[in-house]
């Protein structure tokens, strides 16, 4: 029989895989947008979708992925220091959605009507966080509307990705719950 992994090893591997997926897709999106749509005002990001999945699976560990998405986006766009702060700190505002998971219960969020609302809240909090951070760094309040409008297509992508993830066994599910459920089904 093979060696069993500890809970911490399983979590590290899972978080690492999801971080890798996020890095690859954000890299591809930034480069595809620059290559095929250089004059387009809109952007698309999978940051909220992947971060929402990690929040559902592991709770606050999703903050790592929110931060990573900001770093990757800024790095490949050639951002300056101020933009790094705006996107990294702003994305971390999505951590404010995690108490909702605890208050309502991850399983109720996952299976109920909030399943598709939760990731949209995560995206909204990322955008609001960027706007708040930009204002704190001296941007005019009317100029930060672009954080919401240019990233509006991400709502559609986030909704569709989570809609699909909900249908895949164990993807959009608390991992303790998932492993216990799988173990019970095997016995």
Protein backbone atom coordinates (compact mmCIF):
# COMPACT_ATOMS: atom_id res chain seq x y z
CA UNK A 1 0.00 0.00 0.00
CA UNK A 2 1.31 3.47 -0.87
CA UNK A 3 2.36 6.12 1.57
CA UNK A 4 -0.49 8.28 2.81
CA UNK A 5 -0.12 12.02 2.76
CA UNK A 6 -0.74 14.19 5.78
CA UNK A 7 -3.48 16.80 5.72
CA UNK A 8 -0.87 19.58 5.46
CA UNK A 9 0.89 17.84 2.56
CA UNK A 10 -2.41 17.42 0.73
CA UNK A 11 -3.27 21.08 1.28
CA UNK A 12 0.18 22.28 0.12
CA UNK A 13 -0.01 20.17 -3.04
CA UNK A 14 -3.54 21.35 -3.81
CA UNK A 15 -2.71 25.01 -3.19
CA UNK A 16 0.42 24.64 -5.33
CA UNK A 17 -1.50 23.10 -8.22
CA UNK A 18 -4.13 25.84 -8.09
CA UNK A 19 -1.40 28.51 -7.89
CA UNK A 20 0.23 26.99 -10.97
CA UNK A 21 -3.06 26.92 -12.86
CA UNK A 22 -3.71 30.55 -11.95
CA UNK A 23 -0.20 31.60 -13.00
CA UNK A 24 -0.40 29.86 -16.38
CA UNK A 25 -3.84 31.19 -17.26
CA UNK A 26 -3.19 34.75 -16.11
CA UNK A 27 0.06 34.73 -18.11
CA UNK A 28 -1.80 33.46 -21.20
CA UNK A 29 -4.60 35.98 -20.79
CA UNK A 30 -2.26 38.96 -20.41
CA UNK A 31 -0.16 37.92 -23.41
CA UNK A 32 -3.17 37.04 -25.58
CA UNK A 33 -4.77 40.40 -24.80
CA UNK A 34 -1.57 42.23 -25.69
CA UNK A 35 -1.11 40.24 -28.88
CA UNK A 36 -4.64 39.97 -30.28
CA UNK A 37 -6.45 42.88 -28.62
CA UNK A 38 -3.85 45.56 -27.81
CA UNK A 39 -6.28 48.48 -28.17
CA UNK A 40 -9.14 46.86 -26.27
CA UNK A 41 -10.38 48.69 -23.16
CA UNK A 42 -11.61 45.51 -21.48
CA UNK A 43 -9.62 42.92 -19.60
CA UNK A 44 -10.46 39.43 -18.44
CA UNK A 45 -9.07 37.67 -15.42
CA UNK A 46 -9.54 34.28 -13.82
CA UNK A 47 -8.32 35.62 -10.48
CA UNK A 48 -11.76 35.75 -8.85
CA UNK A 49 -12.80 32.33 -10.14
CA UNK A 50 -9.67 30.54 -8.92
CA UNK A 51 -9.61 32.51 -5.67
CA UNK A 52 -13.28 31.64 -5.03
CA UNK A 53 -12.54 27.96 -5.57
CA UNK A 54 -9.63 28.17 -3.11
CA UNK A 55 -11.77 30.02 -0.55
CA UNK A 56 -14.36 27.26 -0.83
CA UNK A 57 -11.72 24.51 -0.57
CA UNK A 58 -9.36 26.00 2.03
CA UNK A 59 -10.78 29.24 3.47
CA UNK A 60 -8.38 32.15 4.00
CA UNK A 61 -5.58 30.38 2.09
CA UNK A 62 -7.28 31.81 -1.00
CA UNK A 63 -5.71 35.13 -0.06
CA UNK A 64 -2.42 33.70 -1.34
CA UNK A 65 -3.99 33.24 -4.76
CA UNK A 66 -5.60 36.68 -4.72
CA UNK A 67 -2.19 38.21 -4.04
CA UNK A 68 -0.55 35.98 -6.65
CA UNK A 69 -3.04 37.09 -9.32
CA UNK A 70 -2.20 40.74 -8.65
CA UNK A 71 1.53 40.04 -8.82
CA UNK A 72 1.27 38.07 -12.06
CA UNK A 73 -0.97 40.63 -13.75
CA UNK A 74 1.32 43.50 -12.81
CA UNK A 75 4.52 41.66 -13.72
CA UNK A 76 3.39 40.73 -17.21
CA UNK A 77 1.82 44.14 -17.86
CA UNK A 78 5.03 45.94 -16.90
CA UNK A 79 3.39 47.75 -13.99
CA UNK A 80 5.08 50.26 -11.72
CA UNK A 81 5.30 50.01 -7.93
CA UNK A 82 2.06 51.89 -7.36
CA UNK A 83 0.15 49.50 -9.63
CA UNK A 84 1.61 46.52 -7.77
CA UNK A 85 0.26 47.96 -4.53
CA UNK A 86 -3.14 48.67 -6.05
CA UNK A 87 -3.62 45.20 -7.52
CA UNK A 88 -2.05 43.18 -4.72
CA UNK A 89 -3.66 44.99 -1.79
CA UNK A 90 -6.89 45.44 -3.74
CA UNK A 91 -7.19 41.74 -4.51
CA UNK A 92 -6.72 40.95 -0.82
CA UNK A 93 -9.99 42.80 -0.09
CA UNK A 94 -11.64 39.61 -1.37
CA UNK A 95 -10.76 38.05 2.00
CA UNK A 96 -13.77 39.99 3.30
CA UNK A 97 -15.97 37.36 1.60
CA UNK A 98 -14.56 34.48 3.69
CA UNK A 99 -16.64 35.31 6.81
CA UNK A 100 -19.74 34.82 4.63
CA UNK A 101 -18.65 31.24 4.03
CA UNK A 102 -18.26 30.70 7.76
CA UNK A 103 -21.50 32.46 8.69
CA UNK A 104 -23.69 30.70 6.13
CA UNK A 105 -21.67 27.50 5.94
CA UNK A 106 -19.56 26.38 3.00
CA UNK A 107 -21.90 23.52 2.14
CA UNK A 108 -24.97 25.78 2.06
CA UNK A 109 -23.10 28.28 -0.11
CA UNK A 110 -21.83 25.53 -2.42
CA UNK A 111 -25.19 23.86 -2.97
CA UNK A 112 -27.55 26.81 -2.63
CA UNK A 113 -28.34 29.99 -4.50
CA UNK A 114 -25.23 31.71 -3.10
CA UNK A 115 -22.96 29.33 -5.01
CA UNK A 116 -22.86 31.63 -8.02
CA UNK A 117 -23.25 34.87 -6.05
CA UNK A 118 -20.24 34.23 -3.80
CA UNK A 119 -17.62 34.35 -6.61
CA UNK A 120 -19.21 37.50 -8.02
CA UNK A 121 -18.87 39.04 -4.55
CA UNK A 122 -15.21 37.99 -4.52
CA UNK A 123 -14.65 39.76 -7.86
CA UNK A 124 -16.53 42.86 -6.71
CA UNK A 125 -14.44 43.02 -3.52
CA UNK A 126 -11.24 42.74 -5.59
CA UNK A 127 -12.35 45.62 -7.79
CA UNK A 128 -13.52 47.70 -4.83
CA UNK A 129 -10.25 47.00 -3.05
CA UNK A 130 -8.28 48.23 -6.05
CA UNK A 131 -10.40 51.38 -6.18
CA UNK A 132 -9.99 52.06 -2.45
CA UNK A 133 -6.24 51.42 -2.61
CA UNK A 134 -5.85 53.68 -5.65
CA UNK A 135 -7.75 56.47 -3.86
CA UNK A 136 -5.57 55.99 -0.77
CA UNK A 137 -2.53 56.38 -3.02
CA UNK A 138 -3.84 59.66 -4.43
CA UNK A 139 -6.03 58.75 -7.40
CA UNK A 140 -9.09 60.90 -8.00
CA UNK A 141 -12.30 59.08 -6.97
CA UNK A 142 -13.88 59.51 -10.42
CA UNK A 143 -10.85 57.89 -12.08
CA UNK A 144 -11.22 54.58 -10.23
CA UNK A 145 -14.47 53.67 -12.00
CA UNK A 146 -12.22 52.00 -14.56
CA UNK A 147 -11.43 49.21 -12.09
CA UNK A 148 -15.07 48.15 -12.41
CA UNK A 149 -15.79 48.87 -16.07
CA UNK A 150 -12.65 47.50 -17.73
CA UNK A 151 -12.88 44.25 -15.78
CA UNK A 152 -16.63 43.75 -16.31
CA UNK A 153 -16.18 40.76 -18.65
CA UNK A 154 -14.55 38.92 -15.76
CA UNK A 155 -18.00 38.63 -14.16
CA UNK A 156 -19.15 36.46 -17.06
CA UNK A 157 -16.01 34.32 -17.01
CA UNK A 158 -16.14 33.94 -13.23
CA UNK A 159 -19.81 32.95 -13.32
CA UNK A 160 -19.28 30.35 -16.05
CA UNK A 161 -16.15 28.86 -14.46
CA UNK A 162 -17.84 28.43 -11.07
CA UNK A 163 -20.99 27.08 -12.75
CA UNK A 164 -18.80 24.39 -14.35
CA UNK A 165 -16.71 23.81 -11.19
CA UNK A 166 -19.89 23.15 -9.18
CA UNK A 167 -20.67 20.23 -11.48
CA UNK A 168 -17.23 18.62 -11.08
CA UNK A 169 -17.02 16.35 -8.06
CA UNK A 170 -15.01 17.92 -5.25
CA UNK A 171 -13.72 20.96 -7.14
CA UNK A 172 -15.96 23.61 -5.54
CA UNK A 173 -16.19 21.93 -2.15
CA UNK A 174 -14.55 22.22 1.25
CA UNK A 175 -11.81 19.62 1.14
CA UNK A 176 -12.46 18.22 4.63
CA UNK A 177 -16.08 17.69 3.65
CA UNK A 178 -15.03 16.19 0.31
CA UNK A 179 -12.52 13.73 1.79
CA UNK A 180 -14.95 12.61 4.50
CA UNK A 181 -17.70 12.19 1.90
CA UNK A 182 -15.43 10.16 -0.41
CA UNK A 183 -14.20 8.01 2.49
CA UNK A 184 -17.80 7.33 3.58
CA UNK A 185 -18.81 6.41 0.03
CA UNK A 186 -15.87 3.99 -0.28
CA UNK A 187 -16.78 2.19 2.96
